[in-house]
């Protein structure tokens, strides 16, 4: 069986798969291109590809219609919005993914952004690099920060990443408030956090950290009104979805001093336009969507996909399949 891997993949797991399959590896980070779905379907058919692994490429209906030999689509992400699951099921193609592959990476990034904001690390680094540290005590006078310990951290969204952020903040000595209407309160309390309404969270928290999926119901969840409820001494961190925050109200609040700072790793579009008002807002940290960009994330997704492919080849049930009904269509 032939496999085409378009996602970043570990060399050791490529070697492991190549002992069993004909593997063609073309990471989109190396080619710097995403496949046209129609052209991709034609290629899969032409090259008799049975296994396709993607991270950023789109696998739409035309792919499944054009590639009768395709048996598995592996998505190296938790989200599945780039794959037509219904069409895959109809054509008897299994779709699997990699839930949790970047959980720790994004959680650590979140903590890093919180620390960078609270301890004013970017400003301190710029001060020294710019040759402006001329007085020994200058940092103590102008760059005094605050600690996460004894602070109140508000976690919005209690999925895998939100839970890991809560765990790490609790370990640092913070009080953690959680808002997630889809998670039972007992699960929040079992971790040592306190479930609260969103209004209470944004009003009480010293740090508000966002971990909700990108969806219509979460669009501008942190609205101008919610930002207005936050303490002037508080910080906002978003490593979830670019549309979750009102990005017109945020720079206004920062300019007016109604918010101590913000850190964003996600935006409505990538890359962020240089003319964006966010780029000139004070006390803001902007990073280019690198929450999950670690070597360990690639290792985890490679292992998860390799094991799923091996299960398929051996005829064993897939662990992370999202459309188990594909088997019925394949049996027809």
Protein backbone atom coordinates (compact mmCIF):
# COMPACT_ATOMS: atom_id res chain seq x y z
CA UNK A 1 0.00 0.00 0.00
CA UNK A 2 1.21 3.52 -0.77
CA UNK A 3 1.04 6.46 1.65
CA UNK A 4 1.35 10.18 0.93
CA UNK A 5 2.28 12.30 3.96
CA UNK A 6 1.81 16.04 3.56
CA UNK A 7 2.14 16.89 7.28
CA UNK A 8 5.34 17.50 9.26
CA UNK A 9 6.53 14.06 10.35
CA UNK A 10 9.33 12.64 12.47
CA UNK A 11 12.16 10.86 10.64
CA UNK A 12 12.04 7.89 13.00
CA UNK A 13 8.36 7.28 12.30
CA UNK A 14 8.83 7.76 8.57
CA UNK A 15 11.48 5.05 8.73
CA UNK A 16 9.14 2.82 10.72
CA UNK A 17 6.37 3.20 8.15
CA UNK A 18 8.74 2.67 5.22
CA UNK A 19 9.49 -0.80 6.54
CA UNK A 20 5.86 -1.66 5.76
CA UNK A 21 4.71 0.76 3.06
CA UNK A 22 5.75 2.84 0.08
CA UNK A 23 5.82 6.28 1.71
CA UNK A 24 6.11 9.61 -0.10
CA UNK A 25 6.82 12.50 2.25
CA UNK A 26 6.14 16.10 1.17
CA UNK A 27 5.52 18.25 4.23
CA UNK A 28 3.65 21.42 3.42
CA UNK A 29 6.21 23.29 5.53
CA UNK A 30 8.92 22.17 3.09
CA UNK A 31 6.96 22.68 -0.14
CA UNK A 32 5.34 25.86 1.23
CA UNK A 33 2.15 25.05 -0.59
CA UNK A 34 -1.24 23.52 0.04
CA UNK A 35 -2.66 21.05 -2.44
CA UNK A 36 -5.55 21.96 -4.71
CA UNK A 37 -8.24 19.40 -3.72
CA UNK A 38 -9.11 18.52 -7.31
CA UNK A 39 -5.47 18.07 -8.28
CA UNK A 40 -4.85 16.13 -5.08
CA UNK A 41 -7.66 13.70 -5.88
CA UNK A 42 -6.27 13.14 -9.36
CA UNK A 43 -2.81 12.50 -7.97
CA UNK A 44 -4.06 10.00 -5.38
CA UNK A 45 -5.83 8.09 -8.16
CA UNK A 46 -2.87 8.26 -10.53
CA UNK A 47 -0.37 7.07 -7.91
CA UNK A 48 -2.71 4.53 -6.31
CA UNK A 49 -2.45 6.12 -2.85
CA UNK A 50 -4.34 4.32 -0.09
CA UNK A 51 -3.29 6.46 2.89
CA UNK A 52 -3.21 10.26 3.04
CA UNK A 53 -1.87 12.20 6.04
CA UNK A 54 -2.41 15.97 6.21
CA UNK A 55 -2.09 18.82 8.66
CA UNK A 56 -3.14 21.94 6.79
CA UNK A 57 -4.40 20.63 3.42
CA UNK A 58 -8.10 20.40 2.61
CA UNK A 59 -9.66 17.05 1.75
CA UNK A 60 -13.02 17.81 0.16
CA UNK A 61 -15.60 15.76 -1.72
CA UNK A 62 -13.74 15.92 -5.03
CA UNK A 63 -10.77 14.15 -3.41
CA UNK A 64 -12.88 11.19 -2.32
CA UNK A 65 -14.74 11.03 -5.63
CA UNK A 66 -11.47 10.91 -7.59
CA UNK A 67 -9.50 8.43 -5.45
CA UNK A 68 -11.21 5.02 -5.27
CA UNK A 69 -8.15 3.39 -3.67
CA UNK A 70 -8.07 5.79 -0.73
CA UNK A 71 -8.71 3.97 2.55
CA UNK A 72 -7.51 6.35 5.28
CA UNK A 73 -7.19 10.10 5.80
CA UNK A 74 -5.17 11.02 8.87
CA UNK A 75 -5.37 14.59 10.14
CA UNK A 76 -2.49 15.72 12.36
CA UNK A 77 -4.76 18.02 14.34
CA UNK A 78 -7.65 17.74 16.75
CA UNK A 79 -9.99 19.86 14.58
CA UNK A 80 -11.52 18.25 11.51
CA UNK A 81 -13.07 21.22 9.71
CA UNK A 82 -10.77 20.78 6.69
CA UNK A 83 -12.12 17.31 5.83
CA UNK A 84 -15.52 16.42 4.33
CA UNK A 85 -16.37 13.71 6.86
CA UNK A 86 -19.69 12.88 5.21
CA UNK A 87 -18.11 12.30 1.82
CA UNK A 88 -15.34 10.20 3.39
CA UNK A 89 -17.92 7.99 5.08
CA UNK A 90 -19.96 7.65 1.90
CA UNK A 91 -16.86 6.50 0.02
CA UNK A 92 -15.78 4.08 2.74
CA UNK A 93 -12.72 6.06 3.81
CA UNK A 94 -11.73 6.14 7.47
CA UNK A 95 -10.87 9.57 8.93
CA UNK A 96 -8.67 9.69 12.00
CA UNK A 97 -7.00 12.55 13.83
CA UNK A 98 -4.49 13.37 16.59
CA UNK A 99 -6.36 14.69 19.64
CA UNK A 100 -4.10 16.18 22.29
CA UNK A 101 -0.98 16.18 20.16
CA UNK A 102 -0.26 19.84 20.99
CA UNK A 103 -2.00 20.13 24.39
CA UNK A 104 1.14 20.56 26.45
CA UNK A 105 2.80 22.79 23.86
CA UNK A 106 -0.08 25.28 23.80
CA UNK A 107 -0.48 25.15 27.58
CA UNK A 108 3.21 25.95 28.07
CA UNK A 109 2.98 28.74 25.49
CA UNK A 110 0.03 30.17 27.41
CA UNK A 111 1.97 30.16 30.68
CA UNK A 112 4.94 31.70 28.88
CA UNK A 113 2.79 34.54 27.56
CA UNK A 114 1.29 35.10 31.01
CA UNK A 115 4.76 35.35 32.52
CA UNK A 116 5.99 37.59 29.71
CA UNK A 117 3.12 39.99 30.32
CA UNK A 118 3.24 39.94 34.10
CA UNK A 119 7.04 40.27 34.37
CA UNK A 120 7.33 42.63 31.37
CA UNK A 121 9.97 40.41 29.83
CA UNK A 122 9.82 41.84 26.26
CA UNK A 123 10.26 45.39 27.61
CA UNK A 124 13.11 44.33 29.86
CA UNK A 125 14.91 42.54 27.01
CA UNK A 126 14.48 45.55 24.71
CA UNK A 127 15.80 47.88 27.41
CA UNK A 128 19.06 45.95 27.77
CA UNK A 129 19.50 45.20 24.04
CA UNK A 130 18.91 48.86 23.22
CA UNK A 131 21.71 50.01 25.52
CA UNK A 132 19.34 51.83 27.86
CA UNK A 133 20.18 49.98 31.10
CA UNK A 134 22.39 52.68 32.52
CA UNK A 135 21.36 52.56 36.17
CA UNK A 136 21.63 49.33 38.22
CA UNK A 137 18.24 49.84 39.89
CA UNK A 138 16.34 50.89 36.76
CA UNK A 139 14.58 47.54 36.40
CA UNK A 140 13.31 47.66 39.97
CA UNK A 141 11.92 51.16 39.46
CA UNK A 142 10.34 50.87 36.03
CA UNK A 143 9.83 47.16 35.36
CA UNK A 144 8.39 45.78 38.55
CA UNK A 145 5.99 42.99 37.66
CA UNK A 146 3.66 40.59 39.41
CA UNK A 147 3.62 36.86 40.11
CA UNK A 148 1.17 34.20 38.96
CA UNK A 149 1.31 32.74 42.47
CA UNK A 150 -1.50 34.20 44.59
CA UNK A 151 -3.12 35.66 41.45
CA UNK A 152 -6.53 34.67 40.13
CA UNK A 153 -6.45 33.02 36.71
CA UNK A 154 -9.65 32.73 34.70
CA UNK A 155 -9.69 29.85 32.21
CA UNK A 156 -12.39 30.09 29.55
CA UNK A 157 -12.91 26.66 28.00
CA UNK A 158 -12.13 23.47 29.87
CA UNK A 159 -11.10 21.13 27.09
CA UNK A 160 -7.74 19.38 27.00
CA UNK A 161 -5.69 22.57 26.71
CA UNK A 162 -7.79 24.57 29.17
CA UNK A 163 -7.46 21.79 31.76
CA UNK A 164 -3.70 21.63 31.30
CA UNK A 165 -3.40 25.41 31.70
CA UNK A 166 -5.50 25.19 34.86
CA UNK A 167 -3.27 22.40 36.23
CA UNK A 168 -0.11 24.38 35.59
CA UNK A 169 -1.53 27.57 37.13
CA UNK A 170 -2.67 25.68 40.22
CA UNK A 171 0.82 24.20 40.51
CA UNK A 172 2.23 27.73 40.43
CA UNK A 173 0.01 28.72 43.35
CA UNK A 174 -2.78 30.57 41.57
CA UNK A 175 -6.49 30.46 42.29
CA UNK A 176 -8.20 29.20 39.13
CA UNK A 177 -11.72 30.09 37.97
CA UNK A 178 -13.21 28.18 35.04
CA UNK A 179 -16.05 28.95 32.66
CA UNK A 180 -17.30 26.19 30.37
CA UNK A 181 -21.07 25.61 30.09
CA UNK A 182 -20.50 22.19 28.50
CA UNK A 183 -18.44 20.69 31.33
CA UNK A 184 -20.03 19.50 34.60
CA UNK A 185 -19.04 21.59 37.61
CA UNK A 186 -17.80 18.49 39.44
CA UNK A 187 -15.08 17.97 36.82
CA UNK A 188 -13.82 21.50 37.38
CA UNK A 189 -13.85 21.08 41.15
CA UNK A 190 -12.08 17.71 40.94
CA UNK A 191 -9.09 19.53 39.49
CA UNK A 192 -9.10 22.09 42.30
CA UNK A 193 -10.62 24.96 40.31
CA UNK A 194 -13.90 26.81 40.75
CA UNK A 195 -16.65 26.89 38.08
CA UNK A 196 -18.13 30.35 37.51
CA UNK A 197 -20.18 32.33 35.00
CA UNK A 198 -18.26 34.25 32.35
CA UNK A 199 -19.21 37.66 33.79
CA UNK A 200 -17.88 36.66 37.21
CA UNK A 201 -14.67 35.28 35.69
CA UNK A 202 -13.73 38.36 33.67
CA UNK A 203 -14.55 40.63 36.61
CA UNK A 204 -12.47 38.73 39.17
CA UNK A 205 -9.50 37.39 37.21
CA UNK A 206 -6.01 38.88 37.09
CA UNK A 207 -5.35 36.77 33.99
CA UNK A 208 -8.03 35.69 31.50
CA UNK A 209 -6.88 32.79 29.31
CA UNK A 210 -8.98 31.64 26.35
CA UNK A 211 -9.25 28.00 25.25
CA UNK A 212 -12.48 27.65 23.27
CA UNK A 213 -13.00 26.32 19.73
CA UNK A 214 -13.50 28.66 16.79
CA UNK A 215 -17.26 28.61 16.17
CA UNK A 216 -20.22 30.91 15.60
CA UNK A 217 -21.16 30.71 19.29
CA UNK A 218 -17.67 31.75 20.42
CA UNK A 219 -17.28 34.62 17.96
CA UNK A 220 -16.45 37.74 20.03
CA UNK A 221 -17.14 35.79 23.20
CA UNK A 222 -14.80 38.28 24.83
CA UNK A 223 -16.81 41.28 23.69
CA UNK A 224 -16.24 44.97 24.27
CA UNK A 225 -18.54 44.64 27.28
CA UNK A 226 -16.53 41.72 28.68
CA UNK A 227 -13.26 43.62 28.17
CA UNK A 228 -14.86 46.56 29.95
CA UNK A 229 -15.62 44.34 32.95
CA UNK A 230 -11.99 43.27 33.34
CA UNK A 231 -9.82 44.94 35.96
CA UNK A 232 -7.46 47.64 34.70
CA UNK A 233 -4.62 45.60 36.23
CA UNK A 234 -5.55 42.37 34.42
CA UNK A 235 -4.11 40.59 31.39
CA UNK A 236 -5.82 38.82 28.48
CA UNK A 237 -4.19 35.83 26.74
CA UNK A 238 -5.64 34.16 23.65
CA UNK A 239 -4.14 30.98 22.21
CA UNK A 240 -7.45 29.52 20.97
CA UNK A 241 -9.31 31.19 18.09
CA UNK A 242 -8.72 34.46 16.28
CA UNK A 243 -12.37 35.52 16.31
CA UNK A 244 -12.98 34.88 20.02
CA UNK A 245 -11.96 38.42 21.05
CA UNK A 246 -13.41 41.73 19.88
CA UNK A 247 -10.24 43.01 18.20
CA UNK A 248 -11.61 46.51 17.80
CA UNK A 249 -12.33 46.92 21.50
CA UNK A 250 -9.05 45.36 22.66
CA UNK A 251 -6.57 47.95 21.30
CA UNK A 252 -8.89 50.73 22.44
CA UNK A 253 -8.84 49.35 25.98
CA UNK A 254 -5.05 49.03 25.93
CA UNK A 255 -4.56 52.59 24.66
CA UNK A 256 -6.94 53.89 27.32
CA UNK A 257 -5.18 51.99 30.10
CA UNK A 258 -8.31 50.00 30.93
CA UNK A 259 -6.33 46.78 30.59
CA UNK A 260 -2.76 46.10 31.76
CA UNK A 261 -1.80 44.00 28.75
CA UNK A 262 -2.71 41.31 26.25
CA UNK A 263 -1.00 38.48 24.39
CA UNK A 264 -2.37 36.96 21.18
CA UNK A 265 -1.06 33.94 19.29
CA UNK A 266 -4.10 33.66 16.98
CA UNK A 267 -5.82 36.08 14.63
CA UNK A 268 -8.81 36.06 12.24
CA UNK A 269 -6.38 35.71 9.33
CA UNK A 270 -2.75 34.70 8.99
CA UNK A 271 -0.45 36.54 8.75
CA UNK A 272 -1.61 39.60 10.69
CA UNK A 273 -1.58 42.72 8.43
CA UNK A 274 1.10 45.21 9.41
CA UNK A 275 -1.57 47.92 9.41
CA UNK A 276 -3.61 46.19 12.11
CA UNK A 277 -4.35 48.43 15.12
CA UNK A 278 -3.06 45.57 17.27
CA UNK A 279 0.47 46.23 16.03
CA UNK A 280 0.57 49.69 17.58
CA UNK A 281 -1.31 48.94 20.78
CA UNK A 282 0.71 49.31 24.01
CA UNK A 283 1.55 46.42 26.32
CA UNK A 284 0.68 43.75 23.78
CA UNK A 285 2.56 40.63 22.72
CA UNK A 286 1.79 39.26 19.25
CA UNK A 287 3.17 35.88 18.17
CA UNK A 288 2.73 34.14 14.78
CA UNK A 289 0.47 31.21 15.77
CA UNK A 290 3.25 29.16 17.34
CA UNK A 291 1.35 27.65 20.28
CA UNK A 292 1.75 24.11 18.99
CA UNK A 293 5.07 24.66 17.20
CA UNK A 294 7.34 22.31 19.12
CA UNK A 295 9.45 19.33 18.14
CA UNK A 296 7.51 17.28 20.67
CA UNK A 297 4.21 18.06 18.94
CA UNK A 298 5.57 16.66 15.68
CA UNK A 299 6.83 13.57 17.50
CA UNK A 300 3.43 12.98 19.12
CA UNK A 301 1.40 13.41 15.95
CA UNK A 302 3.84 11.21 14.04
CA UNK A 303 3.53 8.44 16.62
CA UNK A 304 -0.27 8.68 16.70
CA UNK A 305 -0.55 8.56 12.91
CA UNK A 306 1.99 5.76 12.58
CA UNK A 307 0.12 3.59 15.06
CA UNK A 308 -3.21 4.30 13.32
CA UNK A 309 -1.74 3.35 9.95
CA UNK A 310 -0.31 0.16 11.42
CA UNK A 311 -3.72 -0.71 12.85
CA UNK A 312 -5.30 -0.20 9.43
CA UNK A 313 -2.72 -2.35 7.68
CA UNK A 314 -3.14 -5.11 10.28
CA UNK A 315 -6.93 -4.97 10.06
CA UNK A 316 -7.33 -3.81 13.67
CA UNK A 317 -9.82 -1.15 14.88
CA UNK A 318 -8.59 2.44 14.68
CA UNK A 319 -8.20 4.25 17.99
CA UNK A 320 -9.00 7.79 16.86
CA UNK A 321 -11.44 7.20 13.99
CA UNK A 322 -14.19 9.84 13.82
CA UNK A 323 -16.46 8.15 11.26
CA UNK A 324 -16.84 4.48 12.26
CA UNK A 325 -19.72 4.16 9.79
CA UNK A 326 -17.13 4.14 6.97
CA UNK A 327 -16.88 0.36 7.44
CA UNK A 328 -20.49 -0.14 6.38
CA UNK A 329 -19.96 1.81 3.16
CA UNK A 330 -16.76 -0.12 2.38
CA UNK A 331 -18.57 -3.42 2.94
CA UNK A 332 -21.19 -2.57 0.31
